[in-house]
PDB file of N, CA and C in Angstrom:
ATOM      1  N   MET A   1      53.551  86.692  66.214  1.00  0.00           N
ATOM      2  CA  MET A   1      53.695  86.145  64.828  1.00  0.00           C
ATOM      3  C   MET A   1      54.850  84.946  65.045  1.00  0.00           C
ATOM      4  N   THR A   2      56.050  85.502  65.631  1.00  0.00           N
ATOM      5  CA  THR A   2      57.161  84.589  65.307  1.00  0.00           C
ATOM      6  C   THR A   2      57.148  83.766  66.318  1.00  0.00           C
ATOM      7  N   ASP A   3      56.054  83.243  67.339  1.00  0.00           N
ATOM      8  CA  ASP A   3      55.791  82.362  68.088  1.00  0.00           C
ATOM      9  C   ASP A   3      54.711  81.092  66.944  1.00  0.00           C
ATOM     10  N   LYS A   4      53.959  81.849  66.100  1.00  0.00           N
ATOM     11  CA  LYS A   4      53.409  81.045  65.157  1.00  0.00           C
ATOM     12  C   LYS A   4      54.550  80.353  63.894  1.00  0.00           C
ATOM     13  N   LYS A   5      55.369  81.244  63.668  1.00  0.00           N
ATOM     14  CA  LYS A   5      56.436  80.507  62.906  1.00  0.00           C
ATOM     15  C   LYS A   5      56.928  79.252  63.241  1.00  0.00           C
ATOM     16  N   LYS A   6      57.188  79.518  64.593  1.00  0.00           N
ATOM     17  CA  LYS A   6      57.677  78.587  65.209  1.00  0.00           C
ATOM     18  C   LYS A   6      57.243  77.402  65.394  1.00  0.00           C
ATOM     19  N   ASP A   7      56.149  77.733  65.750  1.00  0.00           N
ATOM     20  CA  ASP A   7      54.984  76.399  66.047  1.00  0.00           C
ATOM     21  C   ASP A   7      54.713  75.420  64.236  1.00  0.00           C
ATOM     22  N   SER A   8      54.565  76.274  63.546  1.00  0.00           N
ATOM     23  CA  SER A   8      54.679  76.058  61.894  1.00  0.00           C
ATOM     24  C   SER A   8      55.732  75.402  61.533  1.00  0.00           C
ATOM     25  N   LYS A   9      56.995  75.482  62.058  1.00  0.00           N
ATOM     26  CA  LYS A   9      57.964  74.723  61.795  1.00  0.00           C
ATOM     27  C   LYS A   9      58.161  73.619  62.259  1.00  0.00           C
ATOM     28  N   LEU A  10      57.872  73.375  63.841  1.00  0.00           N
ATOM     29  CA  LEU A  10      58.220  72.370  64.414  1.00  0.00           C
ATOM     30  C   LEU A  10      56.557  71.320  64.524  1.00  0.00           C
ATOM     31  N   ASN A  11      55.967  71.803  63.683  1.00  0.00           N
ATOM     32  CA  ASN A  11      54.921  70.756  63.392  1.00  0.00           C
ATOM     33  C   ASN A  11      55.250  70.391  61.762  1.00  0.00           C
ATOM     34  N   LYS A  12      55.709  71.234  61.153  1.00  0.00           N
ATOM     35  CA  LYS A  12      56.470  70.508  59.610  1.00  0.00           C
ATOM     36  C   LYS A  12      57.429  69.041  60.230  1.00  0.00           C
ATOM     37  N   TRP A  13      58.103  69.605  61.076  1.00  0.00           N
ATOM     38  CA  TRP A  13      59.487  68.670  61.518  1.00  0.00           C
ATOM     39  C   TRP A  13      58.747  67.283  62.085  1.00  0.00           C
ATOM     40  N   ILE A  14      57.474  67.477  63.056  1.00  0.00           N
ATOM     41  CA  ILE A  14      57.058  66.270  63.336  1.00  0.00           C
ATOM     42  C   ILE A  14      56.318  65.629  62.001  1.00  0.00           C
ATOM     43  N   VAL A  15      55.587  66.058  61.427  1.00  0.00           N
ATOM     44  CA  VAL A  15      55.061  65.339  60.643  1.00  0.00           C
ATOM     45  C   VAL A  15      56.223  64.662  59.503  1.00  0.00           C
ATOM     46  N   PHE A  16      57.788  65.192  59.131  1.00  0.00           N
ATOM     47  CA  PHE A  16      58.623  64.783  58.670  1.00  0.00           C
ATOM     48  C   PHE A  16      59.041  63.502  59.496  1.00  0.00           C
ATOM     49  N   THR A  17      59.034  63.433  60.708  1.00  0.00           N
ATOM     50  CA  THR A  17      59.967  62.691  61.147  1.00  0.00           C
ATOM     51  C   THR A  17      58.829  61.178  61.407  1.00  0.00           C
ATOM     52  N   THR A  18      57.413  61.468  61.547  1.00  0.00           N
ATOM     53  CA  THR A  18      56.958  60.610  61.980  1.00  0.00           C
ATOM     54  C   THR A  18      56.711  59.498  60.410  1.00  0.00           C
ATOM     55  N   MET A  19      56.626  60.294  59.065  1.00  0.00           N
ATOM     56  CA  MET A  19      56.716  59.724  57.702  1.00  0.00           C
ATOM     57  C   MET A  19      57.011  58.295  57.851  1.00  0.00           C
ATOM     58  N   PRO A  20      58.405  58.335  58.206  1.00  0.00           N
ATOM     59  CA  PRO A  20      59.343  56.710  58.215  1.00  0.00           C
ATOM     60  C   PRO A  20      58.128  55.771  58.656  1.00  0.00           C
ATOM     61  N   PHE A  21      57.984  55.980  60.142  1.00  0.00           N
ATOM     62  CA  PHE A  21      56.854  55.010  60.656  1.00  0.00           C
ATOM     63  C   PHE A  21      55.590  54.687  60.011  1.00  0.00           C
ATOM     64  N   GLN A  22      55.464  55.569  59.322  1.00  0.00           N
ATOM     65  CA  GLN A  22      53.524  55.783  58.414  1.00  0.00           C
ATOM     66  C   GLN A  22      54.239  55.013  57.356  1.00  0.00           C
ATOM     67  N   MET A  23      55.287  54.783  56.945  1.00  0.00           N
ATOM     68  CA  MET A  23      55.635  54.054  55.551  1.00  0.00           C
ATOM     69  C   MET A  23      55.653  53.063  55.966  1.00  0.00           C
ATOM     70  N   GLY A  24      56.607  52.606  57.090  1.00  0.00           N
ATOM     71  CA  GLY A  24      56.796  51.319  57.600  1.00  0.00           C
ATOM     72  C   GLY A  24      55.754  50.508  58.185  1.00  0.00           C
ATOM     73  N   VAL A  25      55.008  51.182  58.060  1.00  0.00           N
ATOM     74  CA  VAL A  25      53.579  50.190  58.969  1.00  0.00           C
ATOM     75  C   VAL A  25      52.567  49.987  57.477  1.00  0.00           C
ATOM     76  N   THR A  26      52.635  50.657  56.692  1.00  0.00           N
ATOM     77  CA  THR A  26      51.469  50.749  55.610  1.00  0.00           C
ATOM     78  C   THR A  26      52.344  49.447  54.917  1.00  0.00           C
ATOM     79  N   ILE A  27      53.744  49.415  54.756  1.00  0.00           N
ATOM     80  CA  ILE A  27      54.024  48.303  53.870  1.00  0.00           C
ATOM     81  C   ILE A  27      54.250  47.093  54.782  1.00  0.00           C
ATOM     82  N   TYR A  28      54.304  47.179  55.961  1.00  0.00           N
ATOM     83  CA  TYR A  28      54.188  46.043  56.803  1.00  0.00           C
ATOM     84  C   TYR A  28      52.691  45.259  56.744  1.00  0.00           C
ATOM     85  N   VAL A  29      51.877  46.591  56.631  1.00  0.00           N
ATOM     86  CA  VAL A  29      50.396  45.687  56.801  1.00  0.00           C
ATOM     87  C   VAL A  29      49.857  45.211  55.081  1.00  0.00           C
ATOM     88  N   PHE A  30      50.557  45.341  54.467  1.00  0.00           N
ATOM     89  CA  PHE A  30      50.165  45.078  52.747  1.00  0.00           C
ATOM     90  C   PHE A  30      51.503  43.734  52.823  1.00  0.00           C
ATOM     91  N   PHE A  31      52.361  43.747  53.134  1.00  0.00           N
ATOM     92  CA  PHE A  31      53.006  42.485  53.132  1.00  0.00           C
ATOM     93  C   PHE A  31      52.518  41.422  54.089  1.00  0.00           C
ATOM     94  N   LEU A  32      51.941  41.795  55.229  1.00  0.00           N
ATOM     95  CA  LEU A  32      51.060  40.713  56.079  1.00  0.00           C
ATOM     96  C   LEU A  32      49.588  40.294  55.405  1.00  0.00           C
ATOM     97  N   LEU A  33      49.178  41.100  54.845  1.00  0.00           N
ATOM     98  CA  LEU A  33      48.015  40.857  53.812  1.00  0.00           C
ATOM     99  C   LEU A  33      48.543  39.979  52.632  1.00  0.00           C
ATOM    100  N   GLY A  34      49.543  40.025  52.085  1.00  0.00           N
ATOM    101  CA  GLY A  34      49.712  39.088  51.031  1.00  0.00           C
ATOM    102  C   GLY A  34      50.527  37.687  51.601  1.00  0.00           C
ATOM    103  N   ASP A  35      51.189  37.584  52.780  1.00  0.00           N
ATOM    104  CA  ASP A  35      51.343  36.334  53.385  1.00  0.00           C
ATOM    105  C   ASP A  35      50.001  35.620  53.798  1.00  0.00           C
ATOM    106  N   TRP A  36      49.472  36.612  54.201  1.00  0.00           N
ATOM    107  CA  TRP A  36      48.200  35.395  54.350  1.00  0.00           C
ATOM    108  C   TRP A  36      47.739  34.700  53.432  1.00  0.00           C
ATOM    109  N   LEU A  37      47.558  35.490  52.473  1.00  0.00           N
ATOM    110  CA  LEU A  37      46.542  34.991  51.413  1.00  0.00           C
ATOM    111  C   LEU A  37      47.493  33.720  50.369  1.00  0.00           C
ATOM    112  N   ASP A  38      49.040  34.026  50.551  1.00  0.00           N
ATOM    113  CA  ASP A  38      49.591  33.230  50.218  1.00  0.00           C
ATOM    114  C   ASP A  38      49.800  31.878  51.048  1.00  0.00           C
ATOM    115  N   GLU A  39      49.445  31.743  52.265  1.00  0.00           N
ATOM    116  CA  GLU A  39      48.930  30.605  53.068  1.00  0.00           C
ATOM    117  C   GLU A  39      47.565  29.940  52.920  1.00  0.00           C
ATOM    118  N   LYS A  40      46.764  31.021  52.763  1.00  0.00           N
ATOM    119  CA  LYS A  40      45.587  30.660  52.508  1.00  0.00           C
ATOM    120  C   LYS A  40      44.884  29.688  51.121  1.00  0.00           C
ATOM    121  N   TYR A  41      45.728  30.292  49.852  1.00  0.00           N
ATOM    122  CA  TYR A  41      45.530  29.698  48.918  1.00  0.00           C
ATOM    123  C   TYR A  41      46.606  29.061  48.389  1.00  0.00           C
ATOM    124  N   ASN A  42      47.525  28.605  49.505  1.00  0.00           N
ATOM    125  CA  ASN A  42      48.897  27.755  49.213  1.00  0.00           C
ATOM    126  C   ASN A  42      49.415  28.137  47.997  1.00  0.00           C
ATOM    127  N   VAL A  43      50.043  29.587  47.610  1.00  0.00           N
ATOM    128  CA  VAL A  43      50.855  29.607  46.172  1.00  0.00           C
ATOM    129  C   VAL A  43      52.274  29.413  47.009  1.00  0.00           C
ATOM    130  N   GLU A  44      52.979  29.039  45.743  1.00  0.00           N
ATOM    131  CA  GLU A  44      54.307  28.125  45.978  1.00  0.00           C
ATOM    132  C   GLU A  44      55.171  29.919  45.253  1.00  0.00           C
ATOM    133  N   GLY A  45      56.216  30.205  46.015  1.00  0.00           N
ATOM    134  CA  GLY A  45      56.983  31.377  45.322  1.00  0.00           C
ATOM    135  C   GLY A  45      56.622  32.816  46.104  1.00  0.00           C
ATOM    136  N   GLY A  46      55.279  32.756  46.955  1.00  0.00           N
ATOM    137  CA  GLY A  46      55.110  33.606  47.884  1.00  0.00           C
ATOM    138  C   GLY A  46      54.810  35.185  47.110  1.00  0.00           C
ATOM    139  N   TRP A  47      54.228  34.799  45.431  1.00  0.00           N
ATOM    140  CA  TRP A  47      53.560  35.974  44.452  1.00  0.00           C
ATOM    141  C   TRP A  47      52.691  36.915  45.060  1.00  0.00           C
ATOM    142  N   TRP A  48      51.567  36.680  46.002  1.00  0.00           N
ATOM    143  CA  TRP A  48      51.099  37.376  46.661  1.00  0.00           C
ATOM    144  C   TRP A  48      51.848  38.464  47.773  1.00  0.00           C
ATOM    145  N   THR A  49      52.554  37.685  48.603  1.00  0.00           N
ATOM    146  CA  THR A  49      53.472  38.747  49.476  1.00  0.00           C
ATOM    147  C   THR A  49      54.441  39.577  48.521  1.00  0.00           C
ATOM    148  N   LYS A  50      54.913  39.152  47.392  1.00  0.00           N
ATOM    149  CA  LYS A  50      55.488  40.005  46.611  1.00  0.00           C
ATOM    150  C   LYS A  50      55.115  41.185  46.041  1.00  0.00           C
ATOM    151  N   GLY A  51      53.808  41.050  45.774  1.00  0.00           N
ATOM    152  CA  GLY A  51      52.806  41.692  44.896  1.00  0.00           C
ATOM    153  C   GLY A  51      52.473  42.448  45.648  1.00  0.00           C
ATOM    154  N   PHE A  52      51.452  42.279  47.124  1.00  0.00           N
ATOM    155  CA  PHE A  52      50.949  43.212  48.108  1.00  0.00           C
ATOM    156  C   PHE A  52      52.359  44.003  48.853  1.00  0.00           C
ATOM    157  N   THR A  53      53.431  43.378  49.157  1.00  0.00           N
ATOM    158  CA  THR A  53      54.714  44.305  49.584  1.00  0.00           C
ATOM    159  C   THR A  53      55.024  45.613  48.253  1.00  0.00           C
ATOM    160  N   MET A  54      55.070  45.285  47.196  1.00  0.00           N
ATOM    161  CA  MET A  54      55.383  45.909  46.268  1.00  0.00           C
ATOM    162  C   MET A  54      54.232  47.360  46.131  1.00  0.00           C
ATOM    163  N   LEU A  55      53.007  46.845  46.397  1.00  0.00           N
ATOM    164  CA  LEU A  55      51.938  47.802  46.194  1.00  0.00           C
ATOM    165  C   LEU A  55      51.804  48.928  47.804  1.00  0.00           C
ATOM    166  N   GLY A  56      52.007  47.747  48.768  1.00  0.00           N
ATOM    167  CA  GLY A  56      52.367  48.773  49.889  1.00  0.00           C
ATOM    168  C   GLY A  56      53.283  49.810  49.565  1.00  0.00           C
ATOM    169  N   VAL A  57      54.579  49.186  49.011  1.00  0.00           N
ATOM    170  CA  VAL A  57      55.327  50.424  48.710  1.00  0.00           C
ATOM    171  C   VAL A  57      55.129  51.338  48.157  1.00  0.00           C
ATOM    172  N   ILE A  58      54.246  51.186  46.779  1.00  0.00           N
ATOM    173  CA  ILE A  58      53.353  52.326  46.391  1.00  0.00           C
ATOM    174  C   ILE A  58      52.713  53.136  46.962  1.00  0.00           C
ATOM    175  N   ALA A  59      52.297  52.639  47.749  1.00  0.00           N
ATOM    176  CA  ALA A  59      50.907  53.623  48.485  1.00  0.00           C
ATOM    177  C   ALA A  59      51.731  54.367  49.306  1.00  0.00           C
ATOM    178  N   SER A  60      52.750  53.907  49.970  1.00  0.00           N
ATOM    179  CA  SER A  60      53.367  54.503  51.169  1.00  0.00           C
ATOM    180  C   SER A  60      54.232  55.852  50.247  1.00  0.00           C
ATOM    181  N   LEU A  61      54.456  55.628  49.634  1.00  0.00           N
ATOM    182  CA  LEU A  61      55.168  56.757  48.469  1.00  0.00           C
ATOM    183  C   LEU A  61      54.098  57.769  48.300  1.00  0.00           C
ATOM    184  N   TYR A  62      53.055  57.122  47.634  1.00  0.00           N
ATOM    185  CA  TYR A  62      52.345  58.262  47.356  1.00  0.00           C
ATOM    186  C   TYR A  62      51.831  58.823  48.190  1.00  0.00           C
ATOM    187  N   GLN A  63      51.648  58.221  49.411  1.00  0.00           N
ATOM    188  CA  GLN A  63      50.935  58.743  50.763  1.00  0.00           C
ATOM    189  C   GLN A  63      52.128  59.982  51.264  1.00  0.00           C
ATOM    190  N   PHE A  64      53.562  59.813  51.088  1.00  0.00           N
ATOM    191  CA  PHE A  64      54.579  60.831  51.147  1.00  0.00           C
ATOM    192  C   PHE A  64      54.516  61.832  50.620  1.00  0.00           C
ATOM    193  N   ILE A  65      54.571  61.699  49.380  1.00  0.00           N
ATOM    194  CA  ILE A  65      54.507  62.715  48.516  1.00  0.00           C
ATOM    195  C   ILE A  65      52.750  63.482  49.057  1.00  0.00           C
ATOM    196  N   ARG A  66      52.476  62.909  48.604  1.00  0.00           N
ATOM    197  CA  ARG A  66      50.932  63.623  49.111  1.00  0.00           C
ATOM    198  C   ARG A  66      50.961  64.738  50.224  1.00  0.00           C
ATOM    199  N   GLN A  67      51.441  64.346  51.286  1.00  0.00           N
ATOM    200  CA  GLN A  67      51.761  64.857  52.437  1.00  0.00           C
ATOM    201  C   GLN A  67      52.861  66.308  52.377  1.00  0.00           C
ATOM    202  N   ALA A  68      54.336  65.894  51.571  1.00  0.00           N
ATOM    203  CA  ALA A  68      54.974  66.769  51.581  1.00  0.00           C
ATOM    204  C   ALA A  68      54.358  67.813  50.436  1.00  0.00           C
ATOM    205  N   ASN A  69      53.595  67.718  49.702  1.00  0.00           N
ATOM    206  CA  ASN A  69      52.763  68.399  48.769  1.00  0.00           C
ATOM    207  C   ASN A  69      52.015  69.364  49.377  1.00  0.00           C
ATOM    208  N   ARG A  70      51.182  68.784  50.465  1.00  0.00           N
ATOM    209  CA  ARG A  70      50.160  69.466  51.209  1.00  0.00           C
ATOM    210  C   ARG A  70      51.168  70.483  51.839  1.00  0.00           C
ATOM    211  N   ILE A  71      52.411  70.018  52.776  1.00  0.00           N
ATOM    212  CA  ILE A  71      53.151  71.020  53.719  1.00  0.00           C
ATOM    213  C   ILE A  71      53.768  72.244  52.746  1.00  0.00           C
ATOM    214  N   SER A  72      54.002  71.548  51.915  1.00  0.00           N
ATOM    215  CA  SER A  72      55.058  72.701  50.941  1.00  0.00           C
ATOM    216  C   SER A  72      53.973  73.511  50.359  1.00  0.00           C
ATOM    217  N   LYS A  73      52.984  73.410  50.289  1.00  0.00           N
ATOM    218  CA  LYS A  73      51.781  74.970  49.508  1.00  0.00           C
ATOM    219  C   LYS A  73      51.211  75.300  50.964  1.00  0.00           C
ATOM    220  N   ASN A  74      51.700  74.672  52.118  1.00  0.00           N
ATOM    221  CA  ASN A  74      50.976  75.834  53.090  1.00  0.00           C
ATOM    222  C   ASN A  74      51.992  76.579  53.778  1.00  0.00           C
ATOM    223  N   ASP A  75      53.039  76.768  52.709  1.00  0.00           N
ATOM    224  CA  ASP A  75      54.080  77.677  53.264  1.00  0.00           C
ATOM    225  C   ASP A  75      53.770  79.189  52.906  1.00  0.00           C
TER     226      ASP A  75
END
């Protein structure tokens, strides 16, 4: 039983240490999508880039909170 608790704590740490990378990748993909749209439609000011980057931040925070809630429910 002690081994199971250690494995569970280790798995939680692994999930929490990979979350920043997941957030970074999500934000970067949304940034690239916005940048591509700005270039395709020749938008001045980079509004697609700014909007999609903010959408990426919101999506990554939602994903982070959802995973944190799921982990805390499994305690």
